[in-house]
Amino acid sequence: MLKTIPSAYFLEVDLNNILSHLPFLALILLCSHPHTIFSAAKVTSVSAGGSHTLLLKQNGSNPGSLWTVGLNANGQLGDGTNVDKNLPLEIVSSGITAISAGENHSLYLKSDGSLWAMGLNASGQLGDGTTVQRNTAVPVTVGGIAVSGVTAISAGGNHSLYIESDGSLWAMGLNSSGQLGDGNTANLSTPYKVEANGVTAIAAGAMHSLYIKNGKLWAMGGNGDGQLGDSTVWDRSRPILVPGIEGTITDIVAGSNQSFYVRQNGIWAMGDNVDGQLGIGDGVDKNVSVQIPNSTNAIVSSGSAHSMLLKTDGSLWSAGKNPHHSKGLDRFLGNRL
């Protein structure tokens, strides 16, 4: 029976019925465009934005090629047009090492450490010193000089984060909730240095930002649903050390208004939970982190109002909103797919 009532734990997804219930990107691509996408080169990374998708393909040991598909009204596909695409199109043939899709903008990292951006730029999220929309990629610049030595990227709703090789953290774009961490709420079209060193991981949500520094979790920006985990619902325009966390944080994930962090003993969640997307057993927002049951060594991914959990046995679980009543979603308790 398909569930139409939100449930608050992760439920296992029935993969036998997945084609009839869930429009998973990989399966759609495999069925509609198998030779171009899944032939000699393999897809090594996928990043889904508001209504567009980026794919990174790799052939052997060579840095990958960038492919894009979906909504293109703001040029976020980077093909020089504003025409939507229903089949993936190759944008860059080689040299790409990382990709990240925001709401209506896209970032990619090249093997030479340069960072490139395309799409909506009304808030300066492309980091090129302007607010001009771009339908072909432009380099992110500081003082008119293209940034280099970039090692990690994350595109949020309308802001962007990146880490350089010295462990410094940089932010640009929309700042209405303080998500850039500069102590103000004015948008920035040029990258701002948030931290000088020590940062190893980043995650950008819709209006908030997370990062790991020296194994500790820091957060800034929107906090109306408690997604910063500091026991309040106050926005923070400066980074705060998230209190009450013991041990070392190894990974972080930001959904729209919810946050997850990974420790040796499992995954912890906080923030928006009205649809049960935290997978912790109820539909109440959490402004302090709560551990997800049976999540040790699992991998989590989160969207606007739902989350997915991949366990070590290969089983896939889901929690949260399910407006189309697909099996496995609109649940508070984990559903196995």
Protein backbone atom coordinates (compact mmCIF):
# COMPACT_ATOMS: atom_id res chain seq x y z
CA MET A 1 0.00 0.00 0.00
CA LEU A 2 1.31 3.44 -0.86
CA LYS A 3 1.67 5.80 2.06
CA THR A 4 0.19 9.30 1.86
CA ILE A 5 0.79 10.37 5.48
CA PRO A 6 4.20 11.72 6.48
CA SER A 7 6.18 9.34 8.64
CA ALA A 8 9.20 10.25 10.71
CA TYR A 9 11.74 7.48 10.30
CA PHE A 10 13.59 6.32 7.23
CA LEU A 11 11.67 3.64 5.33
CA GLU A 12 13.31 1.18 2.98
CA VAL A 13 12.65 1.81 -0.70
CA ASP A 14 11.36 -1.04 -2.83
CA LEU A 15 13.73 -0.96 -5.79
CA ASN A 16 11.61 -3.53 -7.62
CA ASN A 17 8.92 -0.87 -8.06
CA ILE A 18 11.13 2.16 -8.43
CA LEU A 19 10.46 2.77 -12.13
CA SER A 20 6.74 3.04 -11.57
CA HIS A 21 7.02 5.26 -8.51
CA LEU A 22 10.11 7.47 -8.55
CA PRO A 23 11.59 9.50 -11.44
CA PHE A 24 15.19 8.76 -10.48
CA LEU A 25 17.61 10.65 -12.70
CA ALA A 26 20.00 7.80 -13.30
CA LEU A 27 17.26 5.45 -14.43
CA ILE A 28 15.73 8.06 -16.71
CA LEU A 29 19.08 8.74 -18.32
CA LEU A 30 19.82 5.05 -18.71
CA CYS A 31 16.52 4.43 -20.47
CA SER A 32 16.44 7.56 -22.62
CA HIS A 33 20.07 8.12 -23.57
CA PRO A 34 22.12 5.00 -22.79
CA HIS A 35 24.86 5.16 -25.41
CA THR A 36 25.91 8.77 -24.83
CA ILE A 37 25.85 8.67 -21.04
CA PHE A 38 26.74 5.10 -20.06
CA SER A 39 29.03 3.82 -22.81
CA ALA A 40 32.84 3.96 -22.60
CA ALA A 41 32.90 6.66 -19.92
CA LYS A 42 31.22 6.24 -16.56
CA VAL A 43 29.23 8.77 -14.53
CA THR A 44 31.18 9.41 -11.32
CA SER A 45 29.18 12.29 -9.84
CA VAL A 46 25.70 13.80 -10.13
CA SER A 47 24.48 17.09 -8.66
CA ALA A 48 20.82 18.13 -8.78
CA GLY A 49 19.81 21.80 -8.59
CA GLY A 50 16.36 23.38 -8.43
CA SER A 51 15.30 22.05 -11.84
CA HIS A 52 18.57 21.17 -13.56
CA THR A 53 21.22 18.50 -13.22
CA LEU A 54 24.98 18.30 -13.66
CA LEU A 55 26.83 15.06 -14.44
CA LEU A 56 30.53 14.33 -14.27
CA LYS A 57 31.77 11.55 -16.56
CA GLN A 58 35.20 9.97 -16.42
CA ASN A 59 37.06 7.88 -18.97
CA GLY A 60 39.90 5.97 -17.38
CA SER A 61 42.16 8.05 -15.14
CA ASN A 62 41.59 11.31 -17.01
CA PRO A 63 39.74 14.19 -15.28
CA GLY A 64 36.11 14.15 -16.30
CA SER A 65 33.76 15.83 -18.74
CA LEU A 66 30.79 17.98 -17.71
CA TRP A 67 27.28 17.24 -18.97
CA THR A 68 24.13 19.24 -18.12
CA VAL A 69 20.38 18.73 -18.54
CA GLY A 70 17.09 20.35 -17.49
CA LEU A 71 15.86 23.90 -16.94
CA ASN A 72 18.03 26.56 -18.58
CA ALA A 73 16.06 29.79 -18.20
CA ASN A 74 19.00 31.44 -16.44
CA GLY A 75 21.75 29.80 -18.46
CA GLN A 76 22.58 27.34 -15.70
CA LEU A 77 23.35 24.60 -18.24
CA GLY A 78 26.21 26.69 -19.64
CA ASP A 79 25.62 25.91 -23.34
CA GLY A 80 25.40 29.54 -24.48
CA THR A 81 21.59 29.50 -24.69
CA ASN A 82 18.61 29.83 -22.39
CA VAL A 83 16.80 26.88 -23.92
CA ASP A 84 15.82 23.96 -21.68
CA LYS A 85 17.38 20.57 -22.51
CA ASN A 86 15.66 17.20 -22.02
CA LEU A 87 18.77 15.21 -22.95
CA PRO A 88 22.24 15.69 -21.42
CA LEU A 89 24.60 17.91 -23.37
CA GLU A 90 28.40 17.88 -23.07
CA ILE A 91 29.63 21.33 -21.97
CA VAL A 92 33.31 20.69 -21.17
CA SER A 93 35.05 17.67 -22.66
CA SER A 94 37.78 17.11 -20.05
CA GLY A 95 39.57 18.45 -17.00
CA ILE A 96 36.61 18.64 -14.59
CA THR A 97 37.12 17.29 -11.06
CA ALA A 98 34.00 18.46 -9.14
CA ILE A 99 30.50 19.80 -9.80
CA SER A 100 27.79 21.45 -7.71
CA ALA A 101 24.32 22.66 -8.73
CA GLY A 102 22.49 25.43 -6.88
CA GLU A 103 18.89 26.51 -7.25
CA ASN A 104 19.48 28.20 -10.62
CA HIS A 105 23.27 28.35 -10.93
CA SER A 106 26.08 25.87 -11.43
CA LEU A 107 29.69 25.55 -10.31
CA TYR A 108 32.48 23.33 -11.55
CA LEU A 109 36.09 22.83 -10.56
CA LYS A 110 38.87 22.15 -13.04
CA SER A 111 41.99 20.06 -12.50
CA ASP A 112 44.13 23.22 -12.49
CA GLY A 113 42.28 24.43 -9.36
CA SER A 114 40.26 27.12 -11.13
CA LEU A 115 36.57 27.57 -10.30
CA TRP A 116 33.95 28.30 -12.95
CA ALA A 117 30.31 29.40 -12.62
CA MET A 118 27.23 29.91 -14.80
CA GLY A 119 23.53 30.69 -14.51
CA LEU A 120 21.57 33.09 -12.35
CA ASN A 121 23.74 35.81 -10.82
CA ALA A 122 21.25 38.32 -9.42
CA SER A 123 22.79 37.98 -5.96
CA GLY A 124 26.39 37.66 -7.11
CA GLN A 125 26.47 33.89 -6.56
CA LEU A 126 28.78 33.38 -9.55
CA GLY A 127 31.52 35.38 -7.83
CA ASP A 128 32.70 37.26 -10.92
CA GLY A 129 32.26 40.73 -9.42
CA THR A 130 28.98 41.38 -11.25
CA THR A 131 25.29 40.48 -11.03
CA VAL A 132 25.07 39.65 -14.74
CA GLN A 133 23.42 36.36 -15.67
CA ARG A 134 25.77 34.01 -17.56
CA ASN A 135 24.82 31.25 -20.01
CA THR A 136 28.46 30.29 -20.52
CA ALA A 137 30.83 29.67 -17.66
CA VAL A 138 32.96 32.50 -16.24
CA PRO A 139 35.87 32.17 -13.83
CA VAL A 140 35.33 33.12 -10.20
CA THR A 141 37.60 36.08 -9.44
CA VAL A 142 39.00 38.03 -6.50
CA GLY A 143 40.32 41.49 -7.32
CA GLY A 144 39.88 40.74 -11.01
CA ILE A 145 42.18 37.70 -10.80
CA ALA A 146 40.80 34.19 -11.31
CA VAL A 147 40.91 32.14 -8.11
CA SER A 148 43.22 29.11 -8.04
CA GLY A 149 44.03 26.24 -5.74
CA VAL A 150 40.35 25.47 -5.14
CA THR A 151 39.80 22.02 -3.64
CA ALA A 152 36.06 21.85 -2.80
CA ILE A 153 32.85 23.60 -3.91
CA SER A 154 29.23 23.79 -2.79
CA ALA A 155 26.36 25.70 -4.45
CA GLY A 156 23.45 26.67 -2.21
CA GLY A 157 20.10 28.23 -3.00
CA ASN A 158 21.58 31.49 -4.26
CA HIS A 159 25.01 31.50 -2.65
CA SER A 160 28.24 29.60 -3.17
CA LEU A 161 31.07 28.29 -1.00
CA TYR A 162 34.53 27.02 -1.83
CA ILE A 163 37.72 25.89 -0.07
CA GLU A 164 41.25 26.66 -1.25
CA SER A 165 44.30 24.43 -0.79
CA ASP A 166 45.41 26.35 2.31
CA GLY A 167 42.15 25.39 4.05
CA SER A 168 40.62 28.85 3.68
CA LEU A 169 36.85 29.16 3.23
CA TRP A 170 35.32 31.63 0.80
CA ALA A 171 31.66 32.65 0.25
CA MET A 172 29.70 34.77 -2.22
CA GLY A 173 26.15 35.52 -3.33
CA LEU A 174 22.90 35.98 -1.43
CA ASN A 175 23.44 37.01 2.18
CA SER A 176 19.99 38.02 3.42
CA SER A 177 20.19 35.59 6.34
CA GLY A 178 23.91 36.00 6.99
CA GLN A 179 24.84 32.80 5.15
CA LEU A 180 28.14 34.29 3.93
CA GLY A 181 29.36 34.78 7.49
CA ASP A 182 30.73 38.31 7.09
CA GLY A 183 28.66 39.83 9.91
CA ASN A 184 26.29 41.60 7.51
CA THR A 185 23.31 40.77 5.32
CA ALA A 186 24.33 42.53 2.09
CA ASN A 187 24.89 40.34 -0.96
CA LEU A 188 28.47 39.88 -2.18
CA SER A 189 29.44 39.40 -5.83
CA THR A 190 33.12 38.92 -4.97
CA PRO A 191 34.23 36.03 -2.73
CA TYR A 192 34.67 36.82 0.97
CA LYS A 193 37.22 34.95 3.08
CA VAL A 194 35.30 33.45 6.01
CA GLU A 195 38.15 31.39 7.49
CA ALA A 196 41.90 31.65 6.83
CA ASN A 197 42.71 27.95 7.33
CA GLY A 198 41.66 24.62 8.76
CA VAL A 199 38.45 24.06 6.78
CA THR A 200 38.06 20.56 5.32
CA ALA A 201 34.39 20.29 4.25
CA ILE A 202 31.51 22.58 3.25
CA ALA A 203 27.78 22.31 2.63
CA ALA A 204 25.47 25.09 1.42
CA GLY A 205 21.73 24.93 2.05
CA ALA A 206 18.98 27.21 0.80
CA MET A 207 19.82 30.03 3.24
CA HIS A 208 22.46 28.55 5.55
CA SER A 209 26.02 27.27 5.38
CA LEU A 210 27.93 24.54 7.21
CA TYR A 211 31.62 23.75 7.41
CA ILE A 212 34.03 21.50 9.27
CA LYS A 213 37.12 23.06 10.81
CA ASN A 214 39.58 20.95 12.78
CA GLY A 215 36.93 18.25 13.12
CA LYS A 216 34.33 20.62 14.60
CA LEU A 217 31.06 21.80 13.04
CA TRP A 218 30.51 25.47 12.33
CA ALA A 219 27.33 27.06 10.94
CA MET A 220 26.00 30.42 9.77
CA GLY A 221 22.96 31.94 8.10
CA GLY A 222 19.25 31.17 8.28
CA ASN A 223 18.10 29.37 11.41
CA GLY A 224 14.33 29.72 11.41
CA ASP A 225 13.87 25.96 11.62
CA GLY A 226 16.84 25.33 13.91
CA GLN A 227 19.09 24.14 11.08
CA LEU A 228 22.20 25.61 12.74
CA GLY A 229 21.69 23.37 15.76
CA ASP A 230 22.49 25.97 18.42
CA SER A 231 19.22 25.49 20.37
CA THR A 232 17.78 28.76 18.99
CA VAL A 233 15.96 29.88 15.85
CA TRP A 234 18.03 33.04 15.42
CA ASP A 235 19.84 33.71 12.18
CA ARG A 236 23.62 34.03 12.52
CA SER A 237 25.64 36.39 10.32
CA ARG A 238 28.90 35.20 11.85
CA PRO A 239 29.99 31.56 12.05
CA ILE A 240 29.14 29.79 15.29
CA LEU A 241 30.64 26.62 16.70
CA VAL A 242 27.68 24.25 16.97
CA PRO A 243 27.51 23.33 20.67
CA GLY A 244 26.99 19.98 22.34
CA ILE A 245 28.72 17.79 19.76
CA GLU A 246 31.23 15.25 21.08
CA GLY A 247 33.90 13.64 18.95
CA THR A 248 35.09 14.37 15.43
CA ILE A 249 32.77 15.32 12.57
CA THR A 250 33.74 13.55 9.35
CA ASP A 251 31.13 14.79 6.87
CA ILE A 252 28.23 17.25 6.52
CA VAL A 253 25.14 17.58 4.31
CA ALA A 254 22.79 20.55 3.96
CA GLY A 255 19.23 20.22 2.68
CA SER A 256 17.11 23.28 2.03
CA ASN A 257 16.48 24.07 5.70
CA GLN A 258 17.85 20.98 7.42
CA SER A 259 21.37 19.85 8.28
CA PHE A 260 23.13 16.52 8.83
CA TYR A 261 26.55 15.63 10.18
CA VAL A 262 28.38 12.34 10.33
CA ARG A 263 30.25 10.91 13.31
CA GLN A 264 31.78 7.50 13.86
CA ASN A 265 28.62 6.30 15.62
CA GLY A 266 26.15 7.46 12.96
CA ILE A 267 24.38 10.44 11.40
CA TRP A 268 22.80 13.31 13.31
CA ALA A 269 20.12 15.70 12.04
CA MET A 270 18.64 19.10 12.88
CA GLY A 271 16.39 21.75 11.37
CA ASP A 272 13.19 21.61 9.32
CA ASN A 273 11.27 18.42 10.04
CA VAL A 274 7.65 19.30 9.35
CA ASP A 275 7.47 16.52 6.73
CA GLY A 276 9.65 14.11 8.69
CA GLN A 277 12.67 14.67 6.45
CA LEU A 278 15.10 14.24 9.35
CA GLY A 279 14.03 10.60 9.71
CA ILE A 280 14.09 10.65 13.50
CA GLY A 281 10.54 9.59 14.38
CA ASP A 282 8.35 12.70 14.39
CA GLY A 283 7.35 15.79 12.44
CA VAL A 284 8.72 18.44 14.79
CA ASP A 285 11.57 20.81 13.89
CA LYS A 286 14.78 20.29 15.86
CA ASN A 287 17.11 23.14 16.90
CA VAL A 288 19.57 20.73 18.48
CA SER A 289 20.84 17.64 16.70
CA VAL A 290 19.21 14.24 17.12
CA GLN A 291 20.75 10.95 16.02
CA ILE A 292 19.10 9.06 13.15
CA PRO A 293 18.46 5.48 14.28
CA ASN A 294 20.54 2.71 12.67
CA SER A 295 22.64 5.12 10.63
CA THR A 296 26.18 3.98 11.45
CA ASN A 297 28.42 4.04 8.35
CA ALA A 298 25.48 5.17 6.17
CA ILE A 299 25.51 7.96 3.57
CA VAL A 300 22.83 10.68 3.64
CA SER A 301 21.54 13.07 0.99
CA SER A 302 18.83 15.68 1.46
CA GLY A 303 16.63 17.80 -0.80
CA SER A 304 13.98 20.40 -0.12
CA ALA A 305 11.70 18.33 2.12
CA HIS A 306 12.93 14.75 1.85
CA SER A 307 16.09 12.80 2.60
CA MET A 308 17.71 9.56 1.42
CA LEU A 309 19.93 7.17 3.38
CA LEU A 310 22.19 4.55 1.77
CA LYS A 311 23.26 1.80 4.16
CA THR A 312 26.32 -0.44 4.01
CA ASP A 313 24.23 -3.45 2.96
CA GLY A 314 23.23 -1.56 -0.21
CA SER A 315 19.69 -0.85 0.93
CA LEU A 316 18.22 2.60 0.22
CA TRP A 317 15.95 4.34 2.72
CA SER A 318 13.85 7.50 2.50
CA ALA A 319 12.00 9.95 4.74
CA GLY A 320 9.99 13.12 4.23
CA LYS A 321 7.56 14.70 1.84
CA ASN A 322 5.99 12.71 -0.95
CA PRO A 323 3.47 14.84 -2.87
CA HIS A 324 3.16 12.19 -5.61
CA HIS A 325 2.66 9.40 -3.06
CA SER A 326 5.68 7.47 -4.30
CA LYS A 327 6.47 4.46 -2.21
CA GLY A 328 9.14 5.28 0.32
CA LEU A 329 8.54 9.01 0.71
CA ASP A 330 6.12 11.14 2.73
CA ARG A 331 7.21 9.18 5.79
CA PHE A 332 8.59 10.11 9.19
CA LEU A 333 10.14 6.71 9.80
CA GLY A 334 12.71 5.45 7.36
CA ASN A 335 11.24 3.64 4.38
CA ARG A 336 13.30 1.04 2.53
CA LEU A 337 13.36 1.48 -1.23
